PDB file of N, CA and C in Angstrom:
ATOM      1  N   MET A   1      12.754   7.699  27.531  1.00  0.00           N
ATOM      2  CA  MET A   1      12.145   6.573  26.838  1.00  0.00           C
ATOM      3  C   MET A   1      10.818   7.032  26.249  1.00  0.00           C
ATOM      4  N   GLY A   2      10.624   6.811  24.964  1.00  0.00           N
ATOM      5  CA  GLY A   2       9.419   7.239  24.281  1.00  0.00           C
ATOM      6  C   GLY A   2       8.243   6.317  24.529  1.00  0.00           C
ATOM      7  N   ARG A   3       7.067   6.822  24.184  1.00  0.00           N
ATOM      8  CA  ARG A   3       5.867   6.010  24.311  1.00  0.00           C
ATOM      9  C   ARG A   3       5.840   4.951  23.212  1.00  0.00           C
ATOM     10  N   THR A   4       5.239   3.838  23.534  1.00  0.00           N
ATOM     11  CA  THR A   4       5.044   2.790  22.548  1.00  0.00           C
ATOM     12  C   THR A   4       3.571   2.771  22.182  1.00  0.00           C
ATOM     13  N   VAL A   5       3.285   2.901  20.920  1.00  0.00           N
ATOM     14  CA  VAL A   5       1.915   2.867  20.439  1.00  0.00           C
ATOM     15  C   VAL A   5       1.778   1.659  19.526  1.00  0.00           C
ATOM     16  N   ARG A   6       0.835   0.800  19.842  1.00  0.00           N
ATOM     17  CA  ARG A   6       0.597  -0.370  19.008  1.00  0.00           C
ATOM     18  C   ARG A   6      -0.298   0.049  17.847  1.00  0.00           C
ATOM     19  N   LEU A   7       0.012  -0.420  16.681  1.00  0.00           N
ATOM     20  CA  LEU A   7      -0.774  -0.106  15.493  1.00  0.00           C
ATOM     21  C   LEU A   7      -1.956  -1.062  15.378  1.00  0.00           C
ATOM     22  N   ASP A   8      -3.021  -0.617  14.777  1.00  0.00           N
ATOM     23  CA  ASP A   8      -4.138  -1.486  14.425  1.00  0.00           C
ATOM     24  C   ASP A   8      -3.800  -2.049  13.053  1.00  0.00           C
ATOM     25  N   LEU A   9      -3.008  -3.113  13.063  1.00  0.00           N
ATOM     26  CA  LEU A   9      -2.468  -3.657  11.825  1.00  0.00           C
ATOM     27  C   LEU A   9      -3.568  -4.120  10.867  1.00  0.00           C
ATOM     28  N   THR A  10      -4.630  -4.699  11.393  1.00  0.00           N
ATOM     29  CA  THR A  10      -5.720  -5.143  10.525  1.00  0.00           C
ATOM     30  C   THR A  10      -6.318  -3.956   9.780  1.00  0.00           C
ATOM     31  N   ALA A  11      -6.552  -2.858  10.502  1.00  0.00           N
ATOM     32  CA  ALA A  11      -7.117  -1.664   9.854  1.00  0.00           C
ATOM     33  C   ALA A  11      -6.160  -1.116   8.804  1.00  0.00           C
ATOM     34  N   ILE A  12      -4.869  -1.123   9.096  1.00  0.00           N
ATOM     35  CA  ILE A  12      -3.880  -0.637   8.132  1.00  0.00           C
ATOM     36  C   ILE A  12      -3.868  -1.527   6.886  1.00  0.00           C
ATOM     37  N   LEU A  13      -3.868  -2.834   7.098  1.00  0.00           N
ATOM     38  CA  LEU A  13      -3.848  -3.756   5.956  1.00  0.00           C
ATOM     39  C   LEU A  13      -5.108  -3.613   5.106  1.00  0.00           C
ATOM     40  N   GLU A  14      -6.244  -3.425   5.752  1.00  0.00           N
ATOM     41  CA  GLU A  14      -7.481  -3.231   4.992  1.00  0.00           C
ATOM     42  C   GLU A  14      -7.463  -1.897   4.253  1.00  0.00           C
ATOM     43  N   ALA A  15      -7.045  -0.830   4.925  1.00  0.00           N
ATOM     44  CA  ALA A  15      -7.045   0.508   4.316  1.00  0.00           C
ATOM     45  C   ALA A  15      -6.072   0.609   3.147  1.00  0.00           C
ATOM     46  N   THR A  16      -4.967  -0.110   3.228  1.00  0.00           N
ATOM     47  CA  THR A  16      -3.965  -0.050   2.166  1.00  0.00           C
ATOM     48  C   THR A  16      -4.220  -1.073   1.066  1.00  0.00           C
ATOM     49  N   GLY A  17      -5.190  -1.947   1.270  1.00  0.00           N
ATOM     50  CA  GLY A  17      -5.460  -2.987   0.281  1.00  0.00           C
ATOM     51  C   GLY A  17      -4.460  -4.123   0.315  1.00  0.00           C
ATOM     52  N   GLU A  18      -3.701  -4.235   1.386  1.00  0.00           N
ATOM     53  CA  GLU A  18      -2.644  -5.244   1.469  1.00  0.00           C
ATOM     54  C   GLU A  18      -3.014  -6.454   2.327  1.00  0.00           C
ATOM     55  N   LEU A  19      -4.250  -6.514   2.832  1.00  0.00           N
ATOM     56  CA  LEU A  19      -4.642  -7.627   3.700  1.00  0.00           C
ATOM     57  C   LEU A  19      -4.507  -8.970   2.987  1.00  0.00           C
ATOM     58  N   LYS A  20      -5.008  -9.057   1.751  1.00  0.00           N
ATOM     59  CA  LYS A  20      -4.916 -10.318   1.004  1.00  0.00           C
ATOM     60  C   LYS A  20      -3.456 -10.726   0.803  1.00  0.00           C
ATOM     61  N   HIS A  21      -2.601  -9.765   0.489  1.00  0.00           N
ATOM     62  CA  HIS A  21      -1.185 -10.079   0.278  1.00  0.00           C
ATOM     63  C   HIS A  21      -0.530 -10.565   1.573  1.00  0.00           C
ATOM     64  N   PHE A  22      -0.897  -9.959   2.693  1.00  0.00           N
ATOM     65  CA  PHE A  22      -0.362 -10.399   3.985  1.00  0.00           C
ATOM     66  C   PHE A  22      -0.826 -11.825   4.279  1.00  0.00           C
ATOM     67  N   LEU A  23      -2.101 -12.101   4.047  1.00  0.00           N
ATOM     68  CA  LEU A  23      -2.624 -13.447   4.290  1.00  0.00           C
ATOM     69  C   LEU A  23      -1.998 -14.462   3.340  1.00  0.00           C
ATOM     70  N   ASP A  24      -1.754 -14.069   2.080  1.00  0.00           N
ATOM     71  CA  ASP A  24      -1.060 -14.953   1.139  1.00  0.00           C
ATOM     72  C   ASP A  24       0.351 -15.267   1.631  1.00  0.00           C
ATOM     73  N   LEU A  25       1.026 -14.247   2.186  1.00  0.00           N
ATOM     74  CA  LEU A  25       2.362 -14.476   2.744  1.00  0.00           C
ATOM     75  C   LEU A  25       2.288 -15.474   3.888  1.00  0.00           C
ATOM     76  N   GLY A  26       1.322 -15.295   4.778  1.00  0.00           N
ATOM     77  CA  GLY A  26       1.148 -16.235   5.886  1.00  0.00           C
ATOM     78  C   GLY A  26       0.908 -17.644   5.394  1.00  0.00           C
ATOM     79  N   SER A  27       0.095 -17.782   4.366  1.00  0.00           N
ATOM     80  CA  SER A  27      -0.186 -19.091   3.786  1.00  0.00           C
ATOM     81  C   SER A  27       1.084 -19.718   3.208  1.00  0.00           C
ATOM     82  N   ALA A  28       1.884 -18.913   2.504  1.00  0.00           N
ATOM     83  CA  ALA A  28       3.145 -19.420   1.942  1.00  0.00           C
ATOM     84  C   ALA A  28       4.095 -19.862   3.043  1.00  0.00           C
ATOM     85  N   CYS A  29       4.150 -19.104   4.119  1.00  0.00           N
ATOM     86  CA  CYS A  29       5.011 -19.479   5.254  1.00  0.00           C
ATOM     87  C   CYS A  29       4.547 -20.794   5.859  1.00  0.00           C
ATOM     88  N   LEU A  30       3.246 -20.937   6.030  1.00  0.00           N
ATOM     89  CA  LEU A  30       2.706 -22.163   6.623  1.00  0.00           C
ATOM     90  C   LEU A  30       2.933 -23.365   5.720  1.00  0.00           C
ATOM     91  N   GLN A  31       2.818 -23.183   4.405  1.00  0.00           N
ATOM     92  CA  GLN A  31       3.020 -24.288   3.478  1.00  0.00           C
ATOM     93  C   GLN A  31       4.477 -24.717   3.428  1.00  0.00           C
ATOM     94  N   ALA A  32       5.377 -23.814   3.768  1.00  0.00           N
ATOM     95  CA  ALA A  32       6.802 -24.136   3.748  1.00  0.00           C
ATOM     96  C   ALA A  32       7.192 -25.015   4.930  1.00  0.00           C
ATOM     97  N   GLU A  33       6.368 -25.041   5.941  1.00  0.00           N
ATOM     98  CA  GLU A  33       6.628 -25.841   7.139  1.00  0.00           C
ATOM     99  C   GLU A  33       5.979 -27.218   6.979  1.00  0.00           C
ATOM    100  N   GLU A  34       6.439 -28.142   7.810  1.00  0.00           N
ATOM    101  CA  GLU A  34       5.705 -29.398   7.914  1.00  0.00           C
ATOM    102  C   GLU A  34       4.320 -29.022   8.420  1.00  0.00           C
ATOM    103  N   PRO A  35       3.335 -29.881   8.254  1.00  0.00           N
ATOM    104  CA  PRO A  35       2.013 -29.470   8.727  1.00  0.00           C
ATOM    105  C   PRO A  35       2.102 -28.982  10.182  1.00  0.00           C
ATOM    106  N   PRO A  36       1.968 -27.672  10.361  1.00  0.00           N
ATOM    107  CA  PRO A  36       2.134 -27.126  11.711  1.00  0.00           C
ATOM    108  C   PRO A  36       0.881 -27.328  12.555  1.00  0.00           C
ATOM    109  N   SER A  37       1.093 -27.339  13.858  1.00  0.00           N
ATOM    110  CA  SER A  37      -0.033 -27.414  14.781  1.00  0.00           C
ATOM    111  C   SER A  37      -0.778 -26.078  14.753  1.00  0.00           C
ATOM    112  N   GLN A  38      -1.966 -26.063  15.301  1.00  0.00           N
ATOM    113  CA  GLN A  38      -2.734 -24.827  15.386  1.00  0.00           C
ATOM    114  C   GLN A  38      -1.935 -23.776  16.150  1.00  0.00           C
ATOM    115  N   GLU A  39      -1.295 -24.183  17.226  1.00  0.00           N
ATOM    116  CA  GLU A  39      -0.500 -23.257  18.042  1.00  0.00           C
ATOM    117  C   GLU A  39       0.678 -22.686  17.249  1.00  0.00           C
ATOM    118  N   ALA A  40       1.356 -23.548  16.498  1.00  0.00           N
ATOM    119  CA  ALA A  40       2.490 -23.090  15.686  1.00  0.00           C
ATOM    120  C   ALA A  40       2.016 -22.152  14.572  1.00  0.00           C
ATOM    121  N   SER A  41       0.863 -22.447  13.970  1.00  0.00           N
ATOM    122  CA  SER A  41       0.308 -21.589  12.921  1.00  0.00           C
ATOM    123  C   SER A  41       0.003 -20.202  13.458  1.00  0.00           C
ATOM    124  N   GLU A  42      -0.647 -20.164  14.611  1.00  0.00           N
ATOM    125  CA  GLU A  42      -0.982 -18.875  15.219  1.00  0.00           C
ATOM    126  C   GLU A  42       0.281 -18.103  15.578  1.00  0.00           C
ATOM    127  N   ALA A  43       1.272 -18.789  16.128  1.00  0.00           N
ATOM    128  CA  ALA A  43       2.524 -18.135  16.499  1.00  0.00           C
ATOM    129  C   ALA A  43       3.211 -17.540  15.270  1.00  0.00           C
ATOM    130  N   LEU A  44       3.179 -18.273  14.154  1.00  0.00           N
ATOM    131  CA  LEU A  44       3.807 -17.785  12.928  1.00  0.00           C
ATOM    132  C   LEU A  44       3.105 -16.525  12.418  1.00  0.00           C
ATOM    133  N   ILE A  45       1.783 -16.549  12.361  1.00  0.00           N
ATOM    134  CA  ILE A  45       1.026 -15.392  11.853  1.00  0.00           C
ATOM    135  C   ILE A  45       1.198 -14.194  12.772  1.00  0.00           C
ATOM    136  N   PHE A  46       1.112 -14.402  14.078  1.00  0.00           N
ATOM    137  CA  PHE A  46       1.298 -13.289  15.012  1.00  0.00           C
ATOM    138  C   PHE A  46       2.731 -12.766  14.960  1.00  0.00           C
ATOM    139  N   GLY A  47       3.688 -13.659  14.718  1.00  0.00           N
ATOM    140  CA  GLY A  47       5.077 -13.235  14.567  1.00  0.00           C
ATOM    141  C   GLY A  47       5.261 -12.359  13.330  1.00  0.00           C
ATOM    142  N   LEU A  48       4.640 -12.750  12.217  1.00  0.00           N
ATOM    143  CA  LEU A  48       4.689 -11.929  11.007  1.00  0.00           C
ATOM    144  C   LEU A  48       4.051 -10.564  11.257  1.00  0.00           C
ATOM    145  N   ALA A  49       2.922 -10.558  11.950  1.00  0.00           N
ATOM    146  CA  ALA A  49       2.245  -9.292  12.245  1.00  0.00           C
ATOM    147  C   ALA A  49       3.135  -8.396  13.101  1.00  0.00           C
ATOM    148  N   ASP A  50       3.807  -8.980  14.086  1.00  0.00           N
ATOM    149  CA  ASP A  50       4.714  -8.187  14.929  1.00  0.00           C
ATOM    150  C   ASP A  50       5.873  -7.622  14.112  1.00  0.00           C
ATOM    151  N   GLU A  51       6.431  -8.442  13.213  1.00  0.00           N
ATOM    152  CA  GLU A  51       7.527  -7.972  12.366  1.00  0.00           C
ATOM    153  C   GLU A  51       7.081  -6.815  11.469  1.00  0.00           C
ATOM    154  N   LEU A  52       5.901  -6.967  10.866  1.00  0.00           N
ATOM    155  CA  LEU A  52       5.390  -5.909   9.991  1.00  0.00           C
ATOM    156  C   LEU A  52       5.116  -4.643  10.793  1.00  0.00           C
ATOM    157  N   GLU A  53       4.538  -4.786  11.955  1.00  0.00           N
ATOM    158  CA  GLU A  53       4.268  -3.615  12.789  1.00  0.00           C
ATOM    159  C   GLU A  53       5.563  -2.906  13.158  1.00  0.00           C
ATOM    160  N   ASP A  54       6.574  -3.662  13.548  1.00  0.00           N
ATOM    161  CA  ASP A  54       7.879  -3.065  13.881  1.00  0.00           C
ATOM    162  C   ASP A  54       8.452  -2.328  12.668  1.00  0.00           C
ATOM    163  N   HIS A  55       8.330  -2.932  11.493  1.00  0.00           N
ATOM    164  CA  HIS A  55       8.830  -2.324  10.262  1.00  0.00           C
ATOM    165  C   HIS A  55       8.118  -0.998   9.990  1.00  0.00           C
ATOM    166  N   LEU A  56       6.796  -0.996  10.097  1.00  0.00           N
ATOM    167  CA  LEU A  56       6.034   0.220   9.841  1.00  0.00           C
ATOM    168  C   LEU A  56       6.360   1.306  10.859  1.00  0.00           C
ATOM    169  N   GLN A  57       6.515   0.923  12.117  1.00  0.00           N
ATOM    170  CA  GLN A  57       6.879   1.890  13.162  1.00  0.00           C
ATOM    171  C   GLN A  57       8.242   2.509  12.852  1.00  0.00           C
ATOM    172  N   ALA A  58       9.200   1.667  12.467  1.00  0.00           N
ATOM    173  CA  ALA A  58      10.551   2.155  12.163  1.00  0.00           C
ATOM    174  C   ALA A  58      10.547   3.080  10.945  1.00  0.00           C
ATOM    175  N   MET A  59       9.804   2.719   9.917  1.00  0.00           N
ATOM    176  CA  MET A  59       9.740   3.551   8.723  1.00  0.00           C
ATOM    177  C   MET A  59       9.090   4.898   9.038  1.00  0.00           C
ATOM    178  N   ARG A  60       8.038   4.883   9.819  1.00  0.00           N
ATOM    179  CA  ARG A  60       7.368   6.120  10.185  1.00  0.00           C
ATOM    180  C   ARG A  60       8.278   6.983  11.043  1.00  0.00           C
ATOM    181  N   ALA A  61       8.992   6.378  11.961  1.00  0.00           N
ATOM    182  CA  ALA A  61       9.921   7.126  12.813  1.00  0.00           C
ATOM    183  C   ALA A  61      11.038   7.757  11.981  1.00  0.00           C
ATOM    184  N   ALA A  62      11.533   7.034  11.001  1.00  0.00           N
ATOM    185  CA  ALA A  62      12.604   7.551  10.148  1.00  0.00           C
ATOM    186  C   ALA A  62      12.123   8.715   9.289  1.00  0.00           C
ATOM    187  N   GLN A  63      10.872   8.646   8.850  1.00  0.00           N
ATOM    188  CA  GLN A  63      10.333   9.684   7.977  1.00  0.00           C
ATOM    189  C   GLN A  63       9.702  10.827   8.772  1.00  0.00           C
ATOM    190  N   GLY A  64       9.240  10.538   9.985  1.00  0.00           N
ATOM    191  CA  GLY A  64       8.618  11.562  10.817  1.00  0.00           C
ATOM    192  C   GLY A  64       7.109  11.596  10.742  1.00  0.00           C
ATOM    193  N   SER A  65       6.545  11.067   9.693  1.00  0.00           N
ATOM    194  CA  SER A  65       5.094  10.991   9.524  1.00  0.00           C
ATOM    195  C   SER A  65       4.811   9.916   8.487  1.00  0.00           C
ATOM    196  N   ALA A  66       3.530   9.614   8.314  1.00  0.00           N
ATOM    197  CA  ALA A  66       3.191   8.597   7.315  1.00  0.00           C
ATOM    198  C   ALA A  66       1.795   8.841   6.781  1.00  0.00           C
ATOM    199  N   THR A  67       1.676   8.769   5.472  1.00  0.00           N
ATOM    200  CA  THR A  67       0.369   8.824   4.827  1.00  0.00           C
ATOM    201  C   THR A  67      -0.080   7.394   4.559  1.00  0.00           C
ATOM    202  N   ILE A  68      -1.312   7.237   4.151  1.00  0.00           N
ATOM    203  CA  ILE A  68      -1.798   5.910   3.795  1.00  0.00           C
ATOM    204  C   ILE A  68      -1.002   5.356   2.616  1.00  0.00           C
ATOM    205  N   ASP A  69      -0.611   6.213   1.698  1.00  0.00           N
ATOM    206  CA  ASP A  69       0.218   5.760   0.566  1.00  0.00           C
ATOM    207  C   ASP A  69       1.582   5.278   1.041  1.00  0.00           C
ATOM    208  N   ASP A  70       2.168   5.969   2.021  1.00  0.00           N
ATOM    209  CA  ASP A  70       3.438   5.518   2.597  1.00  0.00           C
ATOM    210  C   ASP A  70       3.274   4.132   3.205  1.00  0.00           C
ATOM    211  N   LEU A  71       2.212   3.962   3.983  1.00  0.00           N
ATOM    212  CA  LEU A  71       1.967   2.668   4.624  1.00  0.00           C
ATOM    213  C   LEU A  71       1.791   1.576   3.580  1.00  0.00           C
ATOM    214  N   ARG A  72       1.103   1.891   2.488  1.00  0.00           N
ATOM    215  CA  ARG A  72       0.891   0.913   1.407  1.00  0.00           C
ATOM    216  C   ARG A  72       2.236   0.502   0.790  1.00  0.00           C
ATOM    217  N   VAL A  73       3.065   1.480   0.472  1.00  0.00           N
ATOM    218  CA  VAL A  73       4.363   1.202  -0.149  1.00  0.00           C
ATOM    219  C   VAL A  73       5.249   0.406   0.805  1.00  0.00           C
ATOM    220  N   TRP A  74       5.321   0.818   2.046  1.00  0.00           N
ATOM    221  CA  TRP A  74       6.172   0.132   3.027  1.00  0.00           C
ATOM    222  C   TRP A  74       5.689  -1.294   3.294  1.00  0.00           C
ATOM    223  N   THR A  75       4.361  -1.460   3.360  1.00  0.00           N
ATOM    224  CA  THR A  75       3.805  -2.787   3.605  1.00  0.00           C
ATOM    225  C   THR A  75       4.078  -3.706   2.428  1.00  0.00           C
ATOM    226  N   ARG A  76       3.819  -3.226   1.211  1.00  0.00           N
ATOM    227  CA  ARG A  76       4.039  -4.054   0.023  1.00  0.00           C
ATOM    228  C   ARG A  76       5.507  -4.449  -0.102  1.00  0.00           C
ATOM    229  N   ALA A  77       6.412  -3.514   0.141  1.00  0.00           N
ATOM    230  CA  ALA A  77       7.845  -3.813   0.053  1.00  0.00           C
ATOM    231  C   ALA A  77       8.238  -4.875   1.075  1.00  0.00           C
ATOM    232  N   TRP A  78       7.707  -4.769   2.285  1.00  0.00           N
ATOM    233  CA  TRP A  78       8.023  -5.749   3.329  1.00  0.00           C
ATOM    234  C   TRP A  78       7.496  -7.128   2.935  1.00  0.00           C
ATOM    235  N   ILE A  79       6.246  -7.175   2.456  1.00  0.00           N
ATOM    236  CA  ILE A  79       5.657  -8.451   2.046  1.00  0.00           C
ATOM    237  C   ILE A  79       6.460  -9.066   0.905  1.00  0.00           C
ATOM    238  N   GLU A  80       6.792  -8.268  -0.103  1.00  0.00           N
ATOM    239  CA  GLU A  80       7.560  -8.787  -1.244  1.00  0.00           C
ATOM    240  C   GLU A  80       8.915  -9.326  -0.807  1.00  0.00           C
ATOM    241  N   LYS A  81       9.573  -8.627   0.089  1.00  0.00           N
ATOM    242  CA  LYS A  81      10.872  -9.097   0.578  1.00  0.00           C
ATOM    243  C   LYS A  81      10.720 -10.428   1.303  1.00  0.00           C
ATOM    244  N   ARG A  82       9.691 -10.561   2.130  1.00  0.00           N
ATOM    245  CA  ARG A  82       9.458 -11.815   2.855  1.00  0.00           C
ATOM    246  C   ARG A  82       9.080 -12.943   1.892  1.00  0.00           C
ATOM    247  N   ARG A  83       8.327 -12.625   0.830  1.00  0.00           N
ATOM    248  CA  ARG A  83       7.887 -13.661  -0.120  1.00  0.00           C
ATOM    249  C   ARG A  83       9.042 -14.227  -0.926  1.00  0.00           C
ATOM    250  N   GLU A  84      10.125 -13.478  -1.056  1.00  0.00           N
ATOM    251  CA  GLU A  84      11.278 -13.964  -1.826  1.00  0.00           C
ATOM    252  C   GLU A  84      11.820 -15.277  -1.287  1.00  0.00           C
ATOM    253  N   ALA A  85      11.549 -15.564  -0.032  1.00  0.00           N
ATOM    254  CA  ALA A  85      12.048 -16.789   0.588  1.00  0.00           C
ATOM    255  C   ALA A  85      11.231 -18.027   0.205  1.00  0.00           C
ATOM    256  N   PHE A  86      10.098 -17.824  -0.474  1.00  0.00           N
ATOM    257  CA  PHE A  86       9.212 -18.935  -0.777  1.00  0.00           C
ATOM    258  C   PHE A  86       9.012 -19.083  -2.275  1.00  0.00           C
ATOM    259  N   PRO A  87       8.989 -20.330  -2.748  1.00  0.00           N
ATOM    260  CA  PRO A  87       8.730 -20.537  -4.181  1.00  0.00           C
ATOM    261  C   PRO A  87       7.308 -20.103  -4.521  1.00  0.00           C
ATOM    262  N   GLU A  88       7.137 -19.733  -5.754  1.00  0.00           N
ATOM    263  CA  GLU A  88       5.827 -19.286  -6.221  1.00  0.00           C
ATOM    264  C   GLU A  88       4.953 -20.506  -6.474  1.00  0.00           C
ATOM    265  N   GLU A  89       3.818 -20.595  -5.766  1.00  0.00           N
ATOM    266  CA  GLU A  89       2.909 -21.715  -5.952  1.00  0.00           C
ATOM    267  C   GLU A  89       2.001 -21.484  -7.150  1.00  0.00           C
ATOM    268  N   ALA A  90       1.462 -20.291  -7.217  1.00  0.00           N
ATOM    269  CA  ALA A  90       0.533 -19.958  -8.300  1.00  0.00           C
ATOM    270  C   ALA A  90       0.686 -18.477  -8.577  1.00  0.00           C
ATOM    271  N   PRO A  91       0.332 -18.040  -9.755  1.00  0.00           N
ATOM    272  CA  PRO A  91       0.451 -16.598 -10.051  1.00  0.00           C
ATOM    273  C   PRO A  91      -0.370 -15.769  -9.077  1.00  0.00           C
ATOM    274  N   ARG A  92       0.220 -14.640  -8.641  1.00  0.00           N
ATOM    275  CA  ARG A  92      -0.482 -13.729  -7.753  1.00  0.00           C
ATOM    276  C   ARG A  92      -1.202 -12.690  -8.580  1.00  0.00           C
ATOM    277  N   GLU A  93      -2.296 -12.179  -8.018  1.00  0.00           N
ATOM    278  CA  GLU A  93      -3.064 -11.142  -8.712  1.00  0.00           C
ATOM    279  C   GLU A  93      -2.485  -9.794  -8.455  1.00  0.00           C
TER     280      GLU A  93
END
């Protein structure tokens, strides 16, 4: 059984420039729900973070290593795929 290393997802999102996009995704998810409770909102955001972390870990394991550019591409692709489930509220930058 291999070691499990938790990623510093906030640092990765900031370093790759994807933090705003991740937060926009969280906002879109929350808007798609009935007005969620604070607890439900936190659970949703932490759930998204766990999913993204698992995705990045799997991509890195498949490739064997990862550069910051790899993390940026993998993160953006994951966010875009998740955003497809939500209607566009306003143009994204």
